[in-house]
Amino acid sequence: MRSLHIQRYLFAGLLTIIPIWLTWIVFKWIFALLSDVNLPWITALVNAYPDTLGHLRQDWLLSMLAFVSTLVLLYVIGFAASRVLGQRVLALFERLIEHIPIAHSIYGGAKKLMAMLQSKPGGTQRVVLVAFPSPELRTIGFVTRVFRDAAGVEHAAVYIPTTPNPTGGYLEIVPVAQLTATDWSVDQAMAFVLSVGATSPDPLPFPISGNPP
């Protein structure tokens, strides 16, 4: 009897800690990503003025300062990009990037992806279900482009993110007729991926099996 109580409480504790753990993993990844941007500059600044800033020479404090400074930098960039002067500077930067072949391809592709994720593509929904990795299973995918092949069949380029880290994933070229449409927004789908399926309405507001009409 006591062992049943122990198992029940252990299971209850596990169910309680998993959402906290997943939230921590996502936050830790975002924190590390943003803090790494300015960490070398913050570290160099502290080392350059040891008498006045030497008390800040702690790893956790340096990371926190780098994280906050990156947030401030992103805000300033966003504010500047919405003004005429910032747009001119950005246009100048893009013209410079155009002369660097590899950088131009990466920057251009990333910019197009961000723009496409903010709008629906022609002919299909942005968030779809794909038969992946086998015909019996379904996974969330993001349509990035719709095109026709040499035979005139309409296909879609679909990005399939991994969970809980959506920065990794797969790119599949799927016939549009084999996609299952959803009415989810990109934000809802990303929340579903980041939460490992825990964040979603019940029942799902779209069919899992079959193809869209």
Foldseek 3Di string as FASTA:
>chain_A
DVVVVVVVVVVVVVVVCLQVVLVCVVVVVVLVVQLVVCLVVLVVVCVVCCPVNVVQPDPVSSSVVSNVVSVVVVVVLVVLCVDPNSVVVVVVVLVVQVVPVVSNVVVVVVVLQVVQLVDAAPPAGQWWWACPPHVVDTAIWGFSDWDADPVRFIWTWIWGAAPLDRVDTDTDIGGLQRIFGAPDRPVQNNVCRSSVNPDADPPHPGDGDDGDD
